[in-house]
Amino acid sequence: MDSLREFREFREKANRTIIRDGNADTKKFFALDSSAFREGAIGTKTKEMLGLVASMVLRCDDCINYHIAKCKEEKVTKEEFYEIFNIALVVGGSIVIPHFRRAVMFLEELENAK
């Protein structure tokens, strides 16, 4: 799928540049971000679902796409996705609707790429 491939390639390239050129604090933050989503008292699947809700409420389309892809890897079902989207909508309000639309279209693209 082109948009997922393009998104991942861009993210990986940008992250390599940031890690290469960033200062120690930036590198620590990136490491913290990675470790926060590892299996722990809360499973990775749940953490990715939480990340998706937070990303939708914060209205970050890159983060939304990232967490949708990670949720797919964690076997989140379509029904679970729509509950996640609903929680984000309730918490974030109507301002989330444009991001909800893009999230649904990205999810549909992933589903059709199977």
N, C-alpha and C. Protein backbone atom coordinates (compact mmCIF):
# COMPACT_ATOMS: atom_id res chain seq x y z
N MET A 1 0.85 -1.17 0.00
CA MET A 1 0.00 0.00 0.00
C MET A 1 0.89 1.24 0.00
N ASP A 2 0.65 2.11 -0.92
CA ASP A 2 1.55 3.26 -1.13
C ASP A 2 1.59 4.24 0.03
N SER A 3 0.43 4.65 0.54
CA SER A 3 0.46 5.68 1.58
C SER A 3 1.10 5.15 2.87
N LEU A 4 0.87 3.89 3.22
CA LEU A 4 1.52 3.33 4.40
C LEU A 4 3.01 3.20 4.17
N ARG A 5 3.41 2.72 3.01
CA ARG A 5 4.83 2.58 2.69
C ARG A 5 5.50 3.95 2.71
N GLU A 6 4.89 4.94 2.07
CA GLU A 6 5.45 6.29 2.04
C GLU A 6 5.54 6.87 3.46
N PHE A 7 4.51 6.67 4.24
CA PHE A 7 4.50 7.17 5.62
C PHE A 7 5.64 6.54 6.41
N ARG A 8 5.79 5.23 6.32
CA ARG A 8 6.84 4.54 7.07
C ARG A 8 8.23 4.95 6.61
N GLU A 9 8.41 5.07 5.30
CA GLU A 9 9.72 5.47 4.77
C GLU A 9 10.08 6.87 5.25
N PHE A 10 9.14 7.80 5.15
CA PHE A 10 9.40 9.17 5.60
C PHE A 10 9.71 9.20 7.09
N ARG A 11 8.90 8.50 7.89
CA ARG A 11 9.08 8.48 9.34
C ARG A 11 10.45 7.91 9.72
N GLU A 12 10.81 6.80 9.11
CA GLU A 12 12.09 6.18 9.41
C GLU A 12 13.27 7.07 9.01
N LYS A 13 13.18 7.70 7.83
CA LYS A 13 14.25 8.58 7.38
C LYS A 13 14.37 9.80 8.31
N ALA A 14 13.24 10.40 8.63
CA ALA A 14 13.25 11.57 9.51
C ALA A 14 13.77 11.21 10.90
N ASN A 15 13.33 10.07 11.41
CA ASN A 15 13.80 9.64 12.74
C ASN A 15 15.30 9.39 12.75
N ARG A 16 15.83 8.76 11.68
CA ARG A 16 17.28 8.54 11.61
C ARG A 16 18.03 9.86 11.64
N THR A 17 17.53 10.85 10.93
CA THR A 17 18.17 12.17 10.89
C THR A 17 18.10 12.83 12.27
N ILE A 18 16.94 12.75 12.90
CA ILE A 18 16.78 13.36 14.23
C ILE A 18 17.71 12.70 15.24
N ILE A 19 17.77 11.38 15.23
CA ILE A 19 18.63 10.66 16.17
C ILE A 19 20.10 10.96 15.89
N ARG A 20 20.45 11.03 14.61
CA ARG A 20 21.84 11.32 14.25
C ARG A 20 22.25 12.73 14.69
N ASP A 21 21.38 13.71 14.46
CA ASP A 21 21.75 15.11 14.68
C ASP A 21 21.22 15.70 15.99
N GLY A 22 20.26 15.02 16.62
CA GLY A 22 19.63 15.57 17.82
C GLY A 22 20.54 15.52 19.03
N ASN A 23 20.17 16.29 20.03
CA ASN A 23 20.96 16.30 21.27
C ASN A 23 20.52 15.15 22.18
N ALA A 24 21.16 15.03 23.31
CA ALA A 24 20.91 13.92 24.24
C ALA A 24 19.46 13.92 24.73
N ASP A 25 18.89 15.09 24.97
CA ASP A 25 17.52 15.15 25.46
C ASP A 25 16.53 14.62 24.42
N THR A 26 16.75 14.98 23.18
CA THR A 26 15.90 14.48 22.10
C THR A 26 16.00 12.96 22.01
N LYS A 27 17.20 12.44 22.07
CA LYS A 27 17.41 10.99 21.99
C LYS A 27 16.75 10.28 23.16
N LYS A 28 16.81 10.88 24.36
CA LYS A 28 16.16 10.30 25.53
C LYS A 28 14.64 10.27 25.34
N PHE A 29 14.09 11.35 24.79
CA PHE A 29 12.64 11.39 24.57
C PHE A 29 12.22 10.31 23.59
N PHE A 30 12.96 10.16 22.49
CA PHE A 30 12.63 9.13 21.51
C PHE A 30 12.71 7.75 22.14
N ALA A 31 13.70 7.51 22.98
CA ALA A 31 13.83 6.22 23.66
C ALA A 31 12.66 5.99 24.63
N LEU A 32 12.27 7.04 25.35
CA LEU A 32 11.14 6.95 26.27
C LEU A 32 9.86 6.64 25.51
N ASP A 33 9.66 7.29 24.39
CA ASP A 33 8.47 7.05 23.58
C ASP A 33 8.41 5.59 23.15
N SER A 34 9.53 5.05 22.70
CA SER A 34 9.57 3.65 22.27
C SER A 34 9.30 2.70 23.43
N SER A 35 9.92 2.96 24.57
CA SER A 35 9.76 2.03 25.70
C SER A 35 8.37 2.10 26.31
N ALA A 36 7.70 3.21 26.21
CA ALA A 36 6.37 3.35 26.81
C ALA A 36 5.36 2.40 26.19
N PHE A 37 5.56 2.03 24.94
CA PHE A 37 4.59 1.18 24.25
C PHE A 37 4.94 -0.30 24.29
N ARG A 38 6.02 -0.66 24.99
CA ARG A 38 6.37 -2.08 25.14
C ARG A 38 5.42 -2.76 26.11
N GLU A 39 5.36 -4.07 25.99
CA GLU A 39 4.54 -4.89 26.89
C GLU A 39 4.92 -4.61 28.34
N GLY A 40 3.94 -4.47 29.19
CA GLY A 40 4.16 -4.23 30.61
C GLY A 40 2.92 -4.62 31.37
N ALA A 41 2.63 -3.90 32.44
CA ALA A 41 1.40 -4.16 33.20
C ALA A 41 0.17 -4.00 32.30
N ILE A 42 0.29 -3.11 31.33
CA ILE A 42 -0.73 -2.95 30.29
C ILE A 42 -0.12 -3.52 29.01
N GLY A 43 -0.87 -4.32 28.31
CA GLY A 43 -0.37 -4.93 27.08
C GLY A 43 -0.16 -3.93 25.97
N THR A 44 0.68 -4.31 25.02
CA THR A 44 1.00 -3.44 23.88
C THR A 44 -0.25 -3.07 23.08
N LYS A 45 -1.15 -4.02 22.88
CA LYS A 45 -2.37 -3.74 22.12
C LYS A 45 -3.15 -2.61 22.78
N THR A 46 -3.34 -2.71 24.09
CA THR A 46 -4.07 -1.67 24.81
C THR A 46 -3.34 -0.34 24.74
N LYS A 47 -2.03 -0.36 24.87
CA LYS A 47 -1.24 0.87 24.79
C LYS A 47 -1.39 1.53 23.43
N GLU A 48 -1.38 0.74 22.37
CA GLU A 48 -1.55 1.31 21.02
C GLU A 48 -2.95 1.89 20.85
N MET A 49 -3.95 1.23 21.42
CA MET A 49 -5.31 1.77 21.35
C MET A 49 -5.40 3.10 22.11
N LEU A 50 -4.75 3.16 23.28
CA LEU A 50 -4.71 4.41 24.03
C LEU A 50 -3.98 5.50 23.24
N GLY A 51 -2.88 5.11 22.60
CA GLY A 51 -2.14 6.06 21.77
C GLY A 51 -2.98 6.60 20.64
N LEU A 52 -3.82 5.74 20.06
CA LEU A 52 -4.70 6.18 18.97
C LEU A 52 -5.73 7.17 19.48
N VAL A 53 -6.34 6.90 20.61
CA VAL A 53 -7.31 7.85 21.18
C VAL A 53 -6.63 9.19 21.44
N ALA A 54 -5.48 9.15 22.10
CA ALA A 54 -4.77 10.41 22.42
C ALA A 54 -4.41 11.16 21.16
N SER A 55 -3.95 10.45 20.15
CA SER A 55 -3.56 11.10 18.89
C SER A 55 -4.74 11.75 18.20
N MET A 56 -5.90 11.10 18.26
CA MET A 56 -7.09 11.69 17.65
C MET A 56 -7.53 12.93 18.42
N VAL A 57 -7.52 12.84 19.74
CA VAL A 57 -7.92 14.00 20.55
C VAL A 57 -6.95 15.16 20.35
N LEU A 58 -5.66 14.85 20.20
CA LEU A 58 -4.66 15.89 19.97
C LEU A 58 -4.59 16.32 18.50
N ARG A 59 -5.31 15.61 17.65
CA ARG A 59 -5.47 15.94 16.23
C ARG A 59 -4.14 15.90 15.45
N CYS A 60 -3.40 14.81 15.66
CA CYS A 60 -2.13 14.62 14.96
C CYS A 60 -2.29 13.49 13.94
N ASP A 61 -2.48 13.84 12.67
CA ASP A 61 -2.74 12.83 11.66
C ASP A 61 -1.59 11.84 11.48
N ASP A 62 -0.34 12.30 11.57
CA ASP A 62 0.79 11.37 11.48
C ASP A 62 0.72 10.36 12.61
N CYS A 63 0.44 10.83 13.81
CA CYS A 63 0.36 9.94 14.97
C CYS A 63 -0.84 8.98 14.83
N ILE A 64 -1.95 9.49 14.34
CA ILE A 64 -3.13 8.65 14.12
C ILE A 64 -2.79 7.51 13.17
N ASN A 65 -2.17 7.85 12.03
CA ASN A 65 -1.82 6.81 11.07
C ASN A 65 -0.83 5.81 11.66
N TYR A 66 0.14 6.30 12.39
CA TYR A 66 1.12 5.42 13.03
C TYR A 66 0.41 4.42 13.96
N HIS A 67 -0.47 4.94 14.82
CA HIS A 67 -1.14 4.07 15.79
C HIS A 67 -2.17 3.15 15.13
N ILE A 68 -2.79 3.59 14.05
CA ILE A 68 -3.68 2.69 13.32
C ILE A 68 -2.87 1.52 12.78
N ALA A 69 -1.73 1.79 12.17
CA ALA A 69 -0.89 0.72 11.63
C ALA A 69 -0.41 -0.21 12.75
N LYS A 70 0.00 0.36 13.88
CA LYS A 70 0.44 -0.47 15.01
C LYS A 70 -0.73 -1.28 15.58
N CYS A 71 -1.90 -0.67 15.65
CA CYS A 71 -3.08 -1.40 16.12
C CYS A 71 -3.41 -2.57 15.20
N LYS A 72 -3.27 -2.36 13.89
CA LYS A 72 -3.49 -3.46 12.94
C LYS A 72 -2.51 -4.59 13.22
N GLU A 73 -1.24 -4.25 13.48
CA GLU A 73 -0.25 -5.27 13.81
C GLU A 73 -0.63 -6.02 15.08
N GLU A 74 -1.32 -5.34 16.00
CA GLU A 74 -1.74 -5.95 17.26
C GLU A 74 -3.11 -6.63 17.14
N LYS A 75 -3.60 -6.75 15.91
CA LYS A 75 -4.86 -7.47 15.62
C LYS A 75 -6.10 -6.79 16.19
N VAL A 76 -6.10 -5.46 16.23
CA VAL A 76 -7.30 -4.73 16.63
C VAL A 76 -8.34 -4.94 15.53
N THR A 77 -9.55 -5.29 15.94
CA THR A 77 -10.64 -5.56 14.98
C THR A 77 -11.31 -4.27 14.54
N LYS A 78 -12.08 -4.36 13.48
CA LYS A 78 -12.81 -3.19 12.99
C LYS A 78 -13.76 -2.67 14.06
N GLU A 79 -14.41 -3.58 14.76
CA GLU A 79 -15.33 -3.18 15.83
C GLU A 79 -14.58 -2.45 16.94
N GLU A 80 -13.39 -2.94 17.28
CA GLU A 80 -12.57 -2.25 18.30
C GLU A 80 -12.14 -0.88 17.81
N PHE A 81 -11.75 -0.78 16.52
CA PHE A 81 -11.37 0.52 15.99
C PHE A 81 -12.51 1.53 16.14
N TYR A 82 -13.72 1.12 15.81
CA TYR A 82 -14.83 2.07 15.89
C TYR A 82 -15.15 2.46 17.34
N GLU A 83 -14.90 1.57 18.28
CA GLU A 83 -15.06 1.97 19.68
C GLU A 83 -13.96 2.95 20.08
N ILE A 84 -12.75 2.72 19.61
CA ILE A 84 -11.63 3.66 19.85
C ILE A 84 -11.99 5.02 19.27
N PHE A 85 -12.46 5.03 18.02
CA PHE A 85 -12.83 6.29 17.37
C PHE A 85 -13.93 6.99 18.15
N ASN A 86 -14.89 6.24 18.66
CA ASN A 86 -15.98 6.83 19.42
C ASN A 86 -15.48 7.46 20.71
N ILE A 87 -14.58 6.77 21.40
CA ILE A 87 -14.02 7.35 22.64
C ILE A 87 -13.31 8.66 22.32
N ALA A 88 -12.52 8.67 21.25
CA ALA A 88 -11.82 9.90 20.86
C ALA A 88 -12.81 11.01 20.54
N LEU A 89 -13.89 10.67 19.87
CA LEU A 89 -14.90 11.66 19.52
C LEU A 89 -15.58 12.22 20.78
N VAL A 90 -15.91 11.36 21.71
CA VAL A 90 -16.55 11.80 22.96
C VAL A 90 -15.59 12.67 23.77
N VAL A 91 -14.34 12.25 23.88
CA VAL A 91 -13.38 13.00 24.67
C VAL A 91 -13.00 14.32 23.99
N GLY A 92 -12.77 14.25 22.66
CA GLY A 92 -12.27 15.41 21.94
C GLY A 92 -13.33 16.34 21.39
N GLY A 93 -14.53 15.85 21.21
CA GLY A 93 -15.60 16.67 20.66
C GLY A 93 -15.58 16.71 19.13
N SER A 94 -16.43 17.56 18.60
CA SER A 94 -16.63 17.60 17.15
C SER A 94 -15.39 18.01 16.36
N ILE A 95 -14.42 18.65 17.00
CA ILE A 95 -13.19 19.04 16.30
C ILE A 95 -12.41 17.81 15.84
N VAL A 96 -12.71 16.65 16.43
CA VAL A 96 -12.04 15.39 16.06
C VAL A 96 -12.61 14.83 14.75
N ILE A 97 -13.79 15.25 14.34
CA ILE A 97 -14.46 14.65 13.18
C ILE A 97 -13.59 14.63 11.92
N PRO A 98 -12.91 15.71 11.51
CA PRO A 98 -12.08 15.60 10.31
C PRO A 98 -10.98 14.54 10.43
N HIS A 99 -10.43 14.38 11.62
CA HIS A 99 -9.38 13.38 11.86
C HIS A 99 -9.99 11.98 11.91
N PHE A 100 -11.21 11.89 12.40
CA PHE A 100 -11.96 10.64 12.40
C PHE A 100 -12.15 10.19 10.94
N ARG A 101 -12.55 11.12 10.09
CA ARG A 101 -12.75 10.79 8.66
C ARG A 101 -11.45 10.26 8.03
N ARG A 102 -10.35 10.98 8.26
CA ARG A 102 -9.08 10.53 7.68
C ARG A 102 -8.63 9.20 8.27
N ALA A 103 -8.89 9.00 9.55
CA ALA A 103 -8.54 7.73 10.19
C ALA A 103 -9.30 6.58 9.56
N VAL A 104 -10.59 6.77 9.33
CA VAL A 104 -11.42 5.73 8.72
C VAL A 104 -10.94 5.43 7.31
N MET A 105 -10.58 6.45 6.56
CA MET A 105 -10.11 6.22 5.19
C MET A 105 -8.76 5.51 5.18
N PHE A 106 -7.87 5.86 6.12
CA PHE A 106 -6.58 5.18 6.22
C PHE A 106 -6.79 3.72 6.62
N LEU A 107 -7.66 3.48 7.58
CA LEU A 107 -7.98 2.11 8.00
C LEU A 107 -8.55 1.31 6.84
N GLU A 108 -9.45 1.93 6.09
CA GLU A 108 -10.05 1.25 4.93
C GLU A 108 -8.97 0.90 3.90
N GLU A 109 -8.04 1.82 3.69
CA GLU A 109 -6.94 1.56 2.76
C GLU A 109 -6.11 0.37 3.23
N LEU A 110 -5.84 0.31 4.53
CA LEU A 110 -5.09 -0.84 5.08
C LEU A 110 -5.89 -2.14 4.89
N GLU A 111 -7.17 -2.08 5.16
CA GLU A 111 -8.02 -3.26 5.02
C GLU A 111 -8.05 -3.76 3.57
N ASN A 112 -8.13 -2.83 2.64
CA ASN A 112 -8.20 -3.20 1.21
C ASN A 112 -6.87 -3.68 0.65
N ALA A 113 -5.79 -3.39 1.36
CA ALA A 113 -4.45 -3.78 0.89
C ALA A 113 -4.14 -5.24 1.19
N LYS A 114 -4.98 -5.91 1.95
CA LYS A 114 -4.73 -7.31 2.33
C LYS A 114 -4.65 -8.20 1.11
